[in-house]
């Protein structure tokens, strides 16, 4: 956020992501310090795929928010697989 100067406050990323209707084909892998649970690839690097001449800041913001959702989904899927139980509820604080 700070290095690219897309937004000045993290809470504004939703506003920026809302400026586009979808991610425009952009995919963001948020492996800034490696990929952790459930992958455990400590030398992985963060990557942005799918950028074209039509990519806007909003597409990257949206891909960033989606990446957080995909990370959470991967962990929840791993929890279900390891436990053998389907999760029925998720409490977030």
N, C-alpha and C. Protein backbone atom coordinates (compact mmCIF):
# COMPACT_ATOMS: atom_id res chain seq x y z
N UNK A 1 0.83 -1.18 0.00
CA UNK A 1 0.00 0.00 0.00
C UNK A 1 0.88 1.25 0.00
N UNK A 2 1.85 1.29 0.89
CA UNK A 2 2.68 2.48 1.00
C UNK A 2 3.63 2.63 -0.19
N UNK A 3 4.23 1.54 -0.64
CA UNK A 3 5.21 1.62 -1.72
C UNK A 3 4.59 2.01 -3.05
N UNK A 4 3.38 1.55 -3.34
CA UNK A 4 2.75 1.86 -4.61
C UNK A 4 1.97 3.16 -4.58
N UNK A 5 1.58 3.61 -3.41
CA UNK A 5 0.83 4.86 -3.30
C UNK A 5 -0.59 4.80 -3.85
N UNK A 6 -1.17 3.60 -3.88
CA UNK A 6 -2.54 3.45 -4.39
C UNK A 6 -3.54 4.14 -3.48
N UNK A 7 -3.35 3.97 -2.19
CA UNK A 7 -4.26 4.55 -1.21
C UNK A 7 -3.43 5.05 -0.04
N UNK A 8 -4.00 5.95 0.75
CA UNK A 8 -3.27 6.49 1.89
C UNK A 8 -3.64 5.80 3.20
N UNK A 9 -4.82 5.17 3.24
CA UNK A 9 -5.27 4.46 4.43
C UNK A 9 -5.86 3.12 4.00
N UNK A 10 -5.55 2.06 4.73
CA UNK A 10 -5.98 0.72 4.33
C UNK A 10 -7.49 0.58 4.23
N UNK A 11 -8.24 1.33 5.02
CA UNK A 11 -9.70 1.20 4.97
C UNK A 11 -10.29 1.73 3.65
N UNK A 12 -9.48 2.44 2.87
CA UNK A 12 -9.96 2.99 1.59
C UNK A 12 -9.82 2.00 0.43
N UNK A 13 -9.25 0.82 0.67
CA UNK A 13 -9.07 -0.13 -0.42
C UNK A 13 -10.41 -0.61 -0.96
N UNK A 14 -11.41 -0.72 -0.10
CA UNK A 14 -12.74 -1.14 -0.56
C UNK A 14 -13.34 -0.12 -1.53
N UNK A 15 -13.15 1.15 -1.24
CA UNK A 15 -13.64 2.19 -2.13
C UNK A 15 -12.96 2.11 -3.50
N UNK A 16 -11.65 1.90 -3.48
CA UNK A 16 -10.92 1.79 -4.73
C UNK A 16 -11.34 0.54 -5.50
N UNK A 17 -11.51 -0.57 -4.81
CA UNK A 17 -11.94 -1.82 -5.46
C UNK A 17 -13.34 -1.67 -6.06
N UNK A 18 -14.17 -0.85 -5.47
CA UNK A 18 -15.54 -0.67 -5.95
C UNK A 18 -15.62 0.18 -7.21
N UNK A 19 -14.50 0.75 -7.64
CA UNK A 19 -14.50 1.57 -8.85
C UNK A 19 -14.52 0.72 -10.12
N UNK A 20 -14.37 -0.60 -9.97
CA UNK A 20 -14.41 -1.52 -11.12
C UNK A 20 -15.43 -2.62 -10.84
N UNK A 21 -15.94 -3.21 -11.90
CA UNK A 21 -16.97 -4.24 -11.75
C UNK A 21 -16.44 -5.62 -11.43
N UNK A 22 -15.15 -5.85 -11.70
CA UNK A 22 -14.52 -7.14 -11.42
C UNK A 22 -13.02 -6.93 -11.32
N UNK A 23 -12.27 -8.00 -11.23
CA UNK A 23 -10.82 -7.85 -11.09
C UNK A 23 -10.10 -7.64 -12.42
N UNK A 24 -10.84 -7.64 -13.52
CA UNK A 24 -10.24 -7.40 -14.83
C UNK A 24 -9.23 -8.45 -15.23
N UNK A 25 -9.32 -9.64 -14.64
CA UNK A 25 -8.37 -10.70 -14.94
C UNK A 25 -7.10 -10.65 -14.12
N UNK A 26 -7.02 -9.70 -13.20
CA UNK A 26 -5.83 -9.57 -12.36
C UNK A 26 -5.94 -10.54 -11.18
N UNK A 27 -4.85 -11.23 -10.90
CA UNK A 27 -4.76 -12.14 -9.76
C UNK A 27 -3.55 -11.72 -8.93
N UNK A 28 -3.74 -11.60 -7.65
CA UNK A 28 -2.68 -11.18 -6.74
C UNK A 28 -2.36 -12.31 -5.77
N UNK A 29 -1.11 -12.73 -5.74
CA UNK A 29 -0.65 -13.73 -4.78
C UNK A 29 0.11 -12.96 -3.70
N UNK A 30 -0.45 -12.92 -2.51
CA UNK A 30 0.11 -12.10 -1.42
C UNK A 30 1.11 -12.89 -0.59
N UNK A 31 2.20 -13.27 -1.22
CA UNK A 31 3.24 -14.04 -0.53
C UNK A 31 4.42 -13.13 -0.21
N UNK A 32 4.20 -12.13 0.59
CA UNK A 32 5.25 -11.15 0.88
C UNK A 32 6.39 -11.75 1.70
N UNK A 33 6.08 -12.73 2.52
CA UNK A 33 7.10 -13.40 3.33
C UNK A 33 6.99 -14.91 3.14
N UNK A 34 6.58 -15.32 1.96
CA UNK A 34 6.35 -16.74 1.68
C UNK A 34 4.86 -17.04 1.76
N UNK A 35 4.50 -18.23 1.33
CA UNK A 35 3.12 -18.71 1.45
C UNK A 35 3.05 -19.60 2.68
N UNK A 36 2.21 -19.25 3.59
CA UNK A 36 2.10 -20.02 4.81
C UNK A 36 0.92 -20.97 4.73
N UNK A 37 0.24 -21.21 5.84
CA UNK A 37 -0.83 -22.21 5.88
C UNK A 37 -1.80 -21.98 4.75
N UNK A 38 -2.24 -23.00 4.08
CA UNK A 38 -1.88 -24.40 4.27
C UNK A 38 -0.78 -24.88 3.32
N UNK A 39 -0.06 -23.98 2.66
CA UNK A 39 0.90 -24.38 1.62
C UNK A 39 2.32 -24.57 2.13
N UNK A 40 2.78 -23.72 3.02
CA UNK A 40 4.10 -23.81 3.62
C UNK A 40 5.22 -23.79 2.58
N UNK A 41 5.22 -22.74 1.76
CA UNK A 41 6.29 -22.51 0.79
C UNK A 41 6.98 -21.22 1.21
N UNK A 42 8.02 -21.35 2.03
CA UNK A 42 8.59 -20.17 2.67
C UNK A 42 9.39 -19.27 1.73
N UNK A 43 9.75 -19.74 0.55
CA UNK A 43 10.50 -18.89 -0.37
C UNK A 43 9.64 -18.35 -1.51
N UNK A 44 8.31 -18.52 -1.42
CA UNK A 44 7.40 -17.97 -2.44
C UNK A 44 7.44 -16.45 -2.39
N UNK A 45 7.20 -15.84 -3.52
CA UNK A 45 7.21 -14.38 -3.63
C UNK A 45 5.83 -13.88 -4.04
N UNK A 46 5.48 -12.69 -3.59
CA UNK A 46 4.23 -12.07 -4.01
C UNK A 46 4.27 -11.78 -5.51
N UNK A 47 3.14 -11.99 -6.16
CA UNK A 47 3.08 -11.85 -7.61
C UNK A 47 1.73 -11.27 -8.04
N UNK A 48 1.75 -10.47 -9.09
CA UNK A 48 0.52 -9.98 -9.69
C UNK A 48 0.51 -10.48 -11.14
N UNK A 49 -0.55 -11.20 -11.50
CA UNK A 49 -0.72 -11.73 -12.85
C UNK A 49 -1.87 -11.03 -13.54
N UNK A 50 -1.87 -11.06 -14.85
CA UNK A 50 -3.02 -10.63 -15.62
C UNK A 50 -3.11 -9.15 -15.93
N UNK A 51 -2.04 -8.42 -15.71
CA UNK A 51 -2.07 -6.98 -15.98
C UNK A 51 -2.01 -6.75 -17.49
N UNK A 52 -2.88 -5.88 -17.98
CA UNK A 52 -2.89 -5.48 -19.39
C UNK A 52 -2.89 -3.96 -19.47
N UNK A 53 -2.96 -3.44 -20.68
CA UNK A 53 -3.01 -1.99 -20.85
C UNK A 53 -4.31 -1.40 -20.32
N UNK A 54 -5.30 -2.26 -20.04
CA UNK A 54 -6.59 -1.79 -19.53
C UNK A 54 -6.71 -1.89 -18.01
N UNK A 55 -5.68 -2.43 -17.36
CA UNK A 55 -5.71 -2.60 -15.91
C UNK A 55 -5.70 -1.24 -15.22
N UNK A 56 -6.60 -1.11 -14.26
CA UNK A 56 -6.68 0.11 -13.45
C UNK A 56 -6.30 -0.21 -12.02
N UNK A 57 -6.05 0.82 -11.24
CA UNK A 57 -5.71 0.63 -9.82
C UNK A 57 -6.82 -0.14 -9.10
N UNK A 58 -8.06 0.10 -9.48
CA UNK A 58 -9.19 -0.59 -8.87
C UNK A 58 -9.13 -2.10 -9.08
N UNK A 59 -8.64 -2.52 -10.25
CA UNK A 59 -8.52 -3.96 -10.51
C UNK A 59 -7.51 -4.60 -9.55
N UNK A 60 -6.41 -3.91 -9.33
CA UNK A 60 -5.39 -4.45 -8.42
C UNK A 60 -5.92 -4.43 -6.99
N UNK A 61 -6.63 -3.39 -6.60
CA UNK A 61 -7.22 -3.33 -5.26
C UNK A 61 -8.21 -4.48 -5.08
N UNK A 62 -9.04 -4.71 -6.09
CA UNK A 62 -10.03 -5.79 -5.99
C UNK A 62 -9.34 -7.15 -5.93
N UNK A 63 -8.31 -7.34 -6.74
CA UNK A 63 -7.57 -8.60 -6.71
C UNK A 63 -6.92 -8.81 -5.34
N UNK A 64 -6.49 -7.73 -4.71
CA UNK A 64 -5.89 -7.83 -3.37
C UNK A 64 -6.92 -8.30 -2.35
N UNK A 65 -8.11 -7.72 -2.38
CA UNK A 65 -9.17 -8.15 -1.46
C UNK A 65 -9.57 -9.60 -1.74
N UNK A 66 -9.66 -9.96 -3.02
CA UNK A 66 -10.02 -11.34 -3.36
C UNK A 66 -8.95 -12.32 -2.88
N UNK A 67 -7.68 -11.91 -2.95
CA UNK A 67 -6.59 -12.78 -2.49
C UNK A 67 -6.75 -13.12 -1.01
N UNK A 68 -7.19 -12.15 -0.23
CA UNK A 68 -7.43 -12.39 1.20
C UNK A 68 -8.53 -13.43 1.38
N UNK A 69 -9.57 -13.34 0.57
CA UNK A 69 -10.67 -14.31 0.63
C UNK A 69 -10.19 -15.69 0.23
N UNK A 70 -9.39 -15.77 -0.84
CA UNK A 70 -8.88 -17.06 -1.30
C UNK A 70 -7.97 -17.70 -0.25
N UNK A 71 -7.15 -16.89 0.43
CA UNK A 71 -6.28 -17.41 1.49
C UNK A 71 -7.12 -18.00 2.62
N UNK A 72 -8.15 -17.27 3.01
CA UNK A 72 -9.03 -17.74 4.08
C UNK A 72 -9.73 -19.03 3.67
N UNK A 73 -10.23 -19.09 2.44
CA UNK A 73 -10.90 -20.29 1.93
C UNK A 73 -9.95 -21.49 1.92
N UNK A 74 -8.71 -21.29 1.53
CA UNK A 74 -7.74 -22.39 1.51
C UNK A 74 -7.51 -22.94 2.91
N UNK A 75 -7.43 -22.06 3.89
CA UNK A 75 -7.23 -22.50 5.28
C UNK A 75 -8.46 -23.24 5.79
N UNK A 76 -9.65 -22.71 5.49
CA UNK A 76 -10.89 -23.38 5.93
C UNK A 76 -11.02 -24.76 5.27
N UNK A 77 -10.69 -24.86 3.99
CA UNK A 77 -10.73 -26.15 3.31
C UNK A 77 -9.75 -27.13 3.95
N UNK A 78 -8.56 -26.66 4.29
CA UNK A 78 -7.56 -27.52 4.93
C UNK A 78 -8.04 -27.97 6.31
N UNK A 79 -8.70 -27.07 7.04
CA UNK A 79 -9.23 -27.44 8.35
C UNK A 79 -10.28 -28.53 8.23
N UNK A 80 -11.15 -28.40 7.24
CA UNK A 80 -12.18 -29.43 7.02
C UNK A 80 -11.54 -30.77 6.64
N UNK A 81 -10.57 -30.71 5.77
CA UNK A 81 -9.89 -31.94 5.33
C UNK A 81 -9.18 -32.61 6.50
N UNK A 82 -8.44 -31.85 7.28
CA UNK A 82 -7.68 -32.41 8.40
C UNK A 82 -8.58 -32.93 9.51
N UNK A 83 -9.67 -32.24 9.77
CA UNK A 83 -10.54 -32.63 10.88
C UNK A 83 -11.56 -33.68 10.49
N UNK A 84 -11.87 -33.76 9.19
CA UNK A 84 -12.90 -34.68 8.73
C UNK A 84 -14.30 -34.18 9.03
N UNK A 85 -14.42 -32.92 9.40
CA UNK A 85 -15.72 -32.32 9.72
C UNK A 85 -15.97 -31.11 8.84
N UNK A 86 -17.19 -31.00 8.37
CA UNK A 86 -17.60 -29.82 7.59
C UNK A 86 -17.83 -28.66 8.56
N UNK A 87 -17.22 -27.53 8.26
CA UNK A 87 -17.41 -26.35 9.11
C UNK A 87 -18.80 -25.78 8.86
N UNK A 88 -19.51 -25.51 9.91
CA UNK A 88 -20.87 -24.99 9.77
C UNK A 88 -20.95 -23.50 10.11
N UNK A 89 -19.90 -22.96 10.70
CA UNK A 89 -19.96 -21.59 11.17
C UNK A 89 -18.56 -21.04 11.30
N UNK A 90 -18.40 -19.75 11.07
CA UNK A 90 -17.14 -19.08 11.23
C UNK A 90 -17.38 -17.78 11.98
N UNK A 91 -16.74 -17.63 13.12
CA UNK A 91 -16.86 -16.41 13.91
C UNK A 91 -15.59 -15.58 13.69
N UNK A 92 -15.77 -14.31 13.41
CA UNK A 92 -14.64 -13.43 13.12
C UNK A 92 -14.71 -12.22 14.05
N UNK A 93 -13.59 -11.87 14.61
CA UNK A 93 -13.55 -10.71 15.51
C UNK A 93 -12.59 -9.70 14.95
